[in-house]
Amino acid sequence: MHRVTSYIVRRLAGAVPLLLGISVISFAILKAVPGGPLAAYEANPNVTPEDIARLERVFGLDQPVHVQYLSWLGKLLGGDWGYSFATSQPVLAMIGQRLPNTVYLMGTVYLVTLCIAIPIGVLAATRQYSVFDHLVTGGTFMAYSMPPFWLGLLLIIVFGLQLRWFPLGGMTAPGATAFDLVDRLRHLVLPVTTLAMFGTAHYVRYLRASMLETIGQDYVRTARAKGLAERVVVLRHALKNASIPLVTVAALDLPELFVGALVTEQIFGWPGMGRLFWDAATRSDYPVLMGILSVSAALIVLANLAADVLYGYLDPRIRYS
């Protein structure tokens, strides 16, 4: 246990310069993008150059890039994430408003994907070249070939406009004030289906390939020779080690619970982090963009750390160093 704790502390300490470097590169890229938060004002003939200069002073855009970055970093470390150029709202409050909506959507997608992908991947591997395996292989390739934006629009047209089974978008019915579980679930169906389709195919392919490699190992044959039931051999012996590649992929996908799916949230009008990022990008709203990018980078680092720690549980041969 002490070795694991020491490993985690060292990894977290090493993540500090990494996150700092990511923030520097992100800030530089945002500043290098043509346009800027004042582009809309510059195209307005009613806005004078003096007005533009005054706005630059207000937002601090008249200072050198390195001074702007150091000012942003100092405020961030002090707990001040800045204010949106477009709405003048605190960035931390804006993220706090959208984050629960994204976790609600992406958490459901994550659970649905794993609950479907794991049993299908195991069954496809244990029944290699069967009819079921061929159907799974064909279905996963079909799911891979459908971009989320195309599948989302198709589901809206078929199940929203033509059949009218599910709402076209949003989180709740227009004008709804009280919490309605059935209404919330109905609004979840189409976006969850859109995102889970690709994720399930992704995980099934990884798990099937890993299971096929694992069930041919000597220790699995030894477990069968000892007379253990096939279910015990597959679930206790093979699946645990075969899950390591899946853990890697699933851990890297974990930050999406907090960051969101940009395109899908736009298509279904879901008020989450992905849509917030899109709105901020179209307005060159630097404080909001940097806030979201910083959260994303930190979550990716933590997800990689969680995956590395979980490896030791799945495979006792792995040692932390």
Protein backbone atom coordinates (compact mmCIF):
# COMPACT_ATOMS: atom_id res chain seq x y z
CA MET A 1 0.00 0.00 0.00
CA HIS A 2 2.88 2.36 0.83
CA ARG A 3 4.42 1.68 -2.57
CA VAL A 4 1.15 2.57 -4.33
CA THR A 5 0.80 5.80 -2.33
CA SER A 6 4.38 6.79 -3.09
CA TYR A 7 3.80 6.05 -6.78
CA ILE A 8 0.67 8.22 -6.87
CA VAL A 9 2.44 11.12 -5.13
CA ARG A 10 5.34 10.97 -7.61
CA ARG A 11 2.99 10.87 -10.57
CA LEU A 12 0.98 13.84 -9.29
CA ALA A 13 4.18 15.80 -8.70
CA GLY A 14 5.34 15.01 -12.23
CA ALA A 15 1.97 16.13 -13.61
CA VAL A 16 2.50 19.73 -12.42
CA PRO A 17 5.07 20.73 -15.09
CA LEU A 18 3.08 18.76 -17.67
CA LEU A 19 -0.11 20.71 -16.94
CA LEU A 20 1.87 23.94 -16.91
CA GLY A 21 3.28 23.16 -20.36
CA ILE A 22 -0.18 22.28 -21.68
CA SER A 23 -1.57 25.59 -20.42
CA VAL A 24 1.25 27.53 -22.09
CA ILE A 25 0.72 25.80 -25.45
CA SER A 26 -3.08 26.15 -25.23
CA PHE A 27 -2.84 29.85 -24.43
CA ALA A 28 -0.38 30.44 -27.27
CA ILE A 29 -2.58 28.60 -29.78
CA LEU A 30 -5.68 30.54 -28.75
CA LYS A 31 -3.85 33.84 -29.13
CA ALA A 32 -2.50 32.79 -32.55
CA VAL A 33 -5.95 32.04 -33.95
CA PRO A 34 -7.13 34.80 -36.33
CA GLY A 35 -9.87 37.07 -35.08
CA GLY A 36 -10.36 37.40 -31.37
CA PRO A 37 -13.04 38.37 -28.85
CA LEU A 38 -13.28 41.88 -30.34
CA ALA A 39 -13.66 40.77 -33.97
CA ALA A 40 -17.42 41.37 -33.91
CA TYR A 41 -16.93 44.91 -32.65
CA GLU A 42 -14.24 45.68 -35.21
CA ALA A 43 -16.67 44.81 -38.03
CA ASN A 44 -19.31 47.15 -36.60
CA PRO A 45 -19.10 50.60 -38.23
CA ASN A 46 -20.73 52.16 -35.15
CA VAL A 47 -17.80 51.12 -32.95
CA THR A 48 -14.91 53.57 -33.10
CA PRO A 49 -11.19 52.69 -32.75
CA GLU A 50 -11.27 54.45 -29.40
CA ASP A 51 -14.00 52.05 -28.24
CA ILE A 52 -11.91 49.09 -29.39
CA ALA A 53 -8.88 50.40 -27.51
CA ARG A 54 -10.96 50.88 -24.37
CA LEU A 55 -12.29 47.32 -24.58
CA GLU A 56 -8.76 46.00 -25.04
CA ARG A 57 -7.72 47.76 -21.84
CA VAL A 58 -10.74 46.40 -19.97
CA PHE A 59 -10.05 42.81 -21.05
CA GLY A 60 -6.28 43.17 -20.72
CA LEU A 61 -5.75 42.41 -24.41
CA ASP A 62 -3.45 45.40 -24.85
CA GLN A 63 -0.72 43.72 -22.79
CA PRO A 64 1.98 41.39 -24.20
CA VAL A 65 1.00 37.72 -24.53
CA HIS A 66 3.32 36.52 -21.78
CA VAL A 67 1.95 39.14 -19.38
CA GLN A 68 -1.61 38.04 -20.19
CA TYR A 69 -0.68 34.41 -19.56
CA LEU A 70 1.06 35.09 -16.25
CA SER A 71 -1.88 37.20 -15.13
CA TRP A 72 -4.32 34.39 -16.01
CA LEU A 73 -2.15 31.74 -14.32
CA GLY A 74 -1.75 33.78 -11.14
CA LYS A 75 -5.49 34.32 -10.84
CA LEU A 76 -6.18 30.63 -11.60
CA LEU A 77 -3.84 29.49 -8.82
CA GLY A 78 -5.63 31.91 -6.50
CA GLY A 79 -9.01 30.41 -7.33
CA ASP A 80 -10.09 33.15 -9.74
CA TRP A 81 -10.85 31.57 -13.15
CA GLY A 82 -11.68 34.94 -14.67
CA TYR A 83 -14.82 36.23 -16.35
CA SER A 84 -16.31 35.47 -19.72
CA PHE A 85 -15.65 38.14 -22.36
CA ALA A 86 -19.07 37.47 -23.89
CA THR A 87 -21.38 37.24 -20.86
CA SER A 88 -19.27 38.77 -18.05
CA GLN A 89 -20.15 35.75 -15.90
CA PRO A 90 -17.52 34.01 -13.75
CA VAL A 91 -15.96 31.16 -15.70
CA LEU A 92 -16.08 28.84 -12.69
CA ALA A 93 -19.82 29.49 -12.29
CA MET A 94 -20.46 28.82 -15.99
CA ILE A 95 -18.59 25.52 -15.81
CA GLY A 96 -20.41 24.64 -12.59
CA GLN A 97 -23.78 25.19 -14.31
CA ARG A 98 -22.98 22.99 -17.31
CA LEU A 99 -20.90 20.28 -15.64
CA PRO A 100 -23.77 18.37 -13.93
CA ASN A 101 -25.66 18.19 -17.24
CA THR A 102 -22.65 16.68 -19.02
CA VAL A 103 -21.95 14.21 -16.20
CA TYR A 104 -25.62 13.18 -16.32
CA LEU A 105 -25.46 12.50 -20.06
CA MET A 106 -21.96 11.09 -20.39
CA GLY A 107 -22.22 9.05 -17.20
CA THR A 108 -25.29 7.32 -18.61
CA VAL A 109 -23.49 6.72 -21.90
CA TYR A 110 -20.47 5.33 -20.07
CA LEU A 111 -22.51 2.87 -18.00
CA VAL A 112 -24.67 1.76 -20.92
CA THR A 113 -21.62 1.24 -23.12
CA LEU A 114 -19.75 -0.90 -20.58
CA CYS A 115 -22.82 -2.93 -19.61
CA ILE A 116 -23.42 -3.83 -23.26
CA ALA A 117 -19.85 -4.11 -24.53
CA ILE A 118 -18.38 -6.39 -21.85
CA PRO A 119 -20.82 -9.32 -22.17
CA ILE A 120 -20.91 -9.04 -25.97
CA GLY A 121 -17.12 -8.95 -26.22
CA VAL A 122 -16.73 -11.98 -23.93
CA LEU A 123 -19.39 -14.01 -25.75
CA ALA A 124 -17.94 -13.15 -29.16
CA ALA A 125 -14.50 -14.30 -28.06
CA THR A 126 -15.67 -17.54 -26.44
CA ARG A 127 -17.77 -18.36 -29.52
CA GLN A 128 -15.20 -17.43 -32.13
CA TYR A 129 -16.33 -17.81 -35.77
CA SER A 130 -19.88 -18.63 -34.71
CA VAL A 131 -22.91 -16.91 -36.21
CA PHE A 132 -23.06 -14.66 -33.15
CA ASP A 133 -19.39 -13.71 -33.56
CA HIS A 134 -19.89 -12.86 -37.23
CA LEU A 135 -22.94 -10.74 -36.39
CA VAL A 136 -20.99 -8.90 -33.68
CA THR A 137 -18.04 -8.31 -36.01
CA GLY A 138 -20.28 -6.97 -38.76
CA GLY A 139 -22.26 -4.85 -36.32
CA THR A 140 -19.18 -3.25 -34.81
CA PHE A 141 -17.76 -2.35 -38.21
CA MET A 142 -21.12 -0.86 -39.17
CA ALA A 143 -21.21 1.19 -35.96
CA TYR A 144 -17.65 2.38 -36.64
CA SER A 145 -18.67 3.61 -40.08
CA MET A 146 -21.48 5.85 -38.80
CA PRO A 147 -20.26 9.29 -37.67
CA PRO A 148 -22.07 10.49 -34.52
CA PHE A 149 -23.38 13.65 -36.21
CA TRP A 150 -24.94 11.59 -39.04
CA LEU A 151 -26.40 8.98 -36.68
CA GLY A 152 -27.78 11.67 -34.39
CA LEU A 153 -29.54 13.45 -37.24
CA LEU A 154 -30.90 10.12 -38.53
CA LEU A 155 -32.33 9.26 -35.11
CA ILE A 156 -33.92 12.69 -34.83
CA ILE A 157 -35.56 12.37 -38.26
CA VAL A 158 -36.85 8.82 -37.72
CA PHE A 159 -37.74 8.68 -34.03
CA GLY A 160 -38.29 12.37 -33.36
CA LEU A 161 -39.94 13.83 -36.46
CA GLN A 162 -41.60 10.84 -38.14
CA LEU A 163 -42.52 8.44 -35.34
CA ARG A 164 -42.58 11.13 -32.61
CA TRP A 165 -41.47 8.61 -29.98
CA PHE A 166 -38.82 10.80 -28.39
CA PRO A 167 -38.15 14.56 -28.02
CA LEU A 168 -35.99 16.25 -30.64
CA GLY A 169 -33.54 17.70 -28.13
CA GLY A 170 -32.95 19.43 -24.83
CA MET A 171 -33.01 17.98 -21.32
CA THR A 172 -36.63 18.60 -20.39
CA ALA A 173 -39.94 19.45 -22.01
CA PRO A 174 -40.43 23.19 -22.73
CA GLY A 175 -41.87 25.00 -19.74
CA ALA A 176 -41.34 22.09 -17.33
CA THR A 177 -40.63 23.22 -13.77
CA ALA A 178 -40.91 20.07 -11.65
CA PHE A 179 -38.59 17.08 -11.97
CA ASP A 180 -40.11 14.34 -14.15
CA LEU A 181 -38.08 11.12 -14.31
CA VAL A 182 -39.93 9.73 -17.33
CA ASP A 183 -39.44 12.97 -19.25
CA ARG A 184 -35.74 13.04 -18.38
CA LEU A 185 -35.28 9.45 -19.55
CA ARG A 186 -37.11 10.14 -22.83
CA HIS A 187 -34.76 13.06 -23.52
CA LEU A 188 -31.79 10.79 -22.81
CA VAL A 189 -32.64 8.01 -25.26
CA LEU A 190 -31.52 9.57 -28.57
CA PRO A 191 -28.27 11.23 -27.44
CA VAL A 192 -27.27 8.18 -25.39
CA THR A 193 -27.96 5.88 -28.34
CA THR A 194 -25.88 8.11 -30.61
CA LEU A 195 -22.85 8.12 -28.32
CA ALA A 196 -23.15 4.56 -27.00
CA MET A 197 -23.28 3.06 -30.50
CA PHE A 198 -19.71 4.02 -31.35
CA GLY A 199 -18.40 3.45 -27.84
CA THR A 200 -19.86 -0.05 -27.65
CA ALA A 201 -18.32 -1.04 -30.97
CA HIS A 202 -14.99 0.40 -29.82
CA TYR A 203 -14.95 -1.52 -26.54
CA VAL A 204 -16.24 -4.77 -28.03
CA ARG A 205 -13.40 -4.91 -30.55
CA TYR A 206 -10.78 -4.30 -27.86
CA LEU A 207 -12.22 -6.83 -25.42
CA ARG A 208 -12.81 -9.53 -28.04
CA ALA A 209 -9.24 -9.30 -29.33
CA SER A 210 -7.80 -9.33 -25.82
CA MET A 211 -9.99 -12.26 -24.74
CA LEU A 212 -8.95 -14.32 -27.78
CA GLU A 213 -5.32 -13.79 -26.86
CA THR A 214 -5.89 -14.56 -23.17
CA ILE A 215 -7.96 -17.75 -23.44
CA GLY A 216 -5.10 -19.39 -25.32
CA GLN A 217 -2.63 -18.86 -22.46
CA ASP A 218 -1.22 -21.74 -20.43
CA TYR A 219 -2.80 -20.69 -17.14
CA VAL A 220 -6.28 -20.72 -18.73
CA ARG A 221 -5.69 -24.24 -20.08
CA THR A 222 -4.44 -25.26 -16.63
CA ALA A 223 -7.61 -23.91 -15.02
CA ARG A 224 -9.70 -25.99 -17.42
CA ALA A 225 -7.56 -29.05 -16.74
CA LYS A 226 -8.24 -28.66 -13.00
CA GLY A 227 -11.92 -29.20 -13.77
CA LEU A 228 -13.16 -25.66 -13.16
CA ALA A 229 -16.44 -24.70 -14.78
CA GLU A 230 -16.11 -22.80 -18.05
CA ARG A 231 -17.89 -19.80 -16.58
CA VAL A 232 -15.36 -19.64 -13.74
CA VAL A 233 -12.44 -20.01 -16.14
CA VAL A 234 -13.68 -17.22 -18.38
CA LEU A 235 -14.85 -14.72 -15.77
CA ARG A 236 -12.29 -15.23 -13.00
CA HIS A 237 -9.16 -16.16 -14.90
CA ALA A 238 -9.38 -14.92 -18.49
CA LEU A 239 -11.52 -11.77 -18.20
CA LYS A 240 -9.45 -10.18 -15.45
CA ASN A 241 -6.24 -10.12 -17.48
CA ALA A 242 -8.03 -9.49 -20.76
CA SER A 243 -9.55 -6.33 -19.27
CA ILE A 244 -6.23 -4.46 -19.14
CA PRO A 245 -6.45 -3.03 -22.72
CA LEU A 246 -10.10 -2.16 -22.11
CA VAL A 247 -9.19 -0.38 -18.87
CA THR A 248 -6.71 1.77 -20.81
CA VAL A 249 -9.29 2.83 -23.37
CA ALA A 250 -12.08 3.30 -20.82
CA ALA A 251 -9.84 5.36 -18.54
CA LEU A 252 -8.88 7.70 -21.37
CA ASP A 253 -12.58 8.07 -22.18
CA LEU A 254 -13.39 8.89 -18.56
CA PRO A 255 -12.65 12.65 -18.90
CA GLU A 256 -15.52 12.83 -21.40
CA LEU A 257 -17.83 12.45 -18.39
CA PHE A 258 -16.82 15.99 -17.48
CA VAL A 259 -15.86 17.53 -20.81
CA GLY A 260 -18.77 16.31 -22.91
CA ALA A 261 -19.37 15.40 -26.53
CA LEU A 262 -19.23 18.64 -28.51
CA VAL A 263 -21.00 17.57 -31.71
CA THR A 264 -23.69 15.47 -30.05
CA GLU A 265 -24.56 18.18 -27.55
CA GLN A 266 -24.90 20.65 -30.40
CA ILE A 267 -27.17 18.35 -32.42
CA PHE A 268 -29.49 17.58 -29.51
CA GLY A 269 -29.34 21.02 -27.90
CA TRP A 270 -27.95 19.54 -24.69
CA PRO A 271 -26.77 22.33 -22.33
CA GLY A 272 -23.48 20.72 -21.36
CA MET A 273 -19.76 21.36 -21.43
CA GLY A 274 -19.37 20.47 -25.09
CA ARG A 275 -21.90 23.07 -26.11
CA LEU A 276 -20.29 25.61 -23.78
CA PHE A 277 -16.93 24.98 -25.42
CA TRP A 278 -18.44 25.43 -28.88
CA ASP A 279 -20.11 28.72 -27.93
CA ALA A 280 -16.87 29.98 -26.38
CA ALA A 281 -14.83 28.93 -29.42
CA THR A 282 -17.10 30.78 -31.85
CA ARG A 283 -16.74 33.93 -29.74
CA SER A 284 -13.00 33.53 -29.01
CA ASP A 285 -13.91 33.69 -25.34
CA TYR A 286 -10.41 33.03 -24.01
CA PRO A 287 -11.17 32.72 -20.27
CA VAL A 288 -13.90 30.11 -20.83
CA LEU A 289 -11.80 28.17 -23.35
CA MET A 290 -8.79 28.12 -21.05
CA GLY A 291 -10.94 27.02 -18.13
CA ILE A 292 -12.38 24.08 -20.07
CA LEU A 293 -9.01 23.11 -21.56
CA SER A 294 -7.39 23.19 -18.12
CA VAL A 295 -10.09 20.94 -16.67
CA SER A 296 -9.75 18.56 -19.62
CA ALA A 297 -5.97 18.32 -19.29
CA ALA A 298 -6.13 17.67 -15.54
CA LEU A 299 -8.77 14.98 -15.98
CA ILE A 300 -6.76 13.20 -18.68
CA VAL A 301 -3.71 13.12 -16.40
CA LEU A 302 -5.80 11.76 -13.52
CA ALA A 303 -7.46 9.17 -15.79
CA ASN A 304 -4.06 7.88 -16.91
CA LEU A 305 -2.97 7.64 -13.29
CA ALA A 306 -6.15 5.74 -12.35
CA ALA A 307 -5.57 3.30 -15.20
CA ASP A 308 -1.97 2.66 -14.13
CA VAL A 309 -3.05 1.99 -10.53
CA LEU A 310 -5.81 -0.34 -11.70
CA TYR A 311 -3.32 -2.35 -13.75
CA GLY A 312 -1.71 -3.54 -10.52
CA TYR A 313 -5.02 -4.93 -9.32
CA LEU A 314 -5.81 -6.68 -12.59
CA ASP A 315 -2.31 -8.10 -13.06
CA PRO A 316 -0.29 -8.78 -9.85
CA ARG A 317 2.87 -9.10 -11.96
CA ILE A 318 2.85 -5.34 -12.51
CA ARG A 319 5.00 -3.46 -10.00
CA TYR A 320 4.89 0.25 -9.26
CA SER A 321 8.17 2.04 -9.66
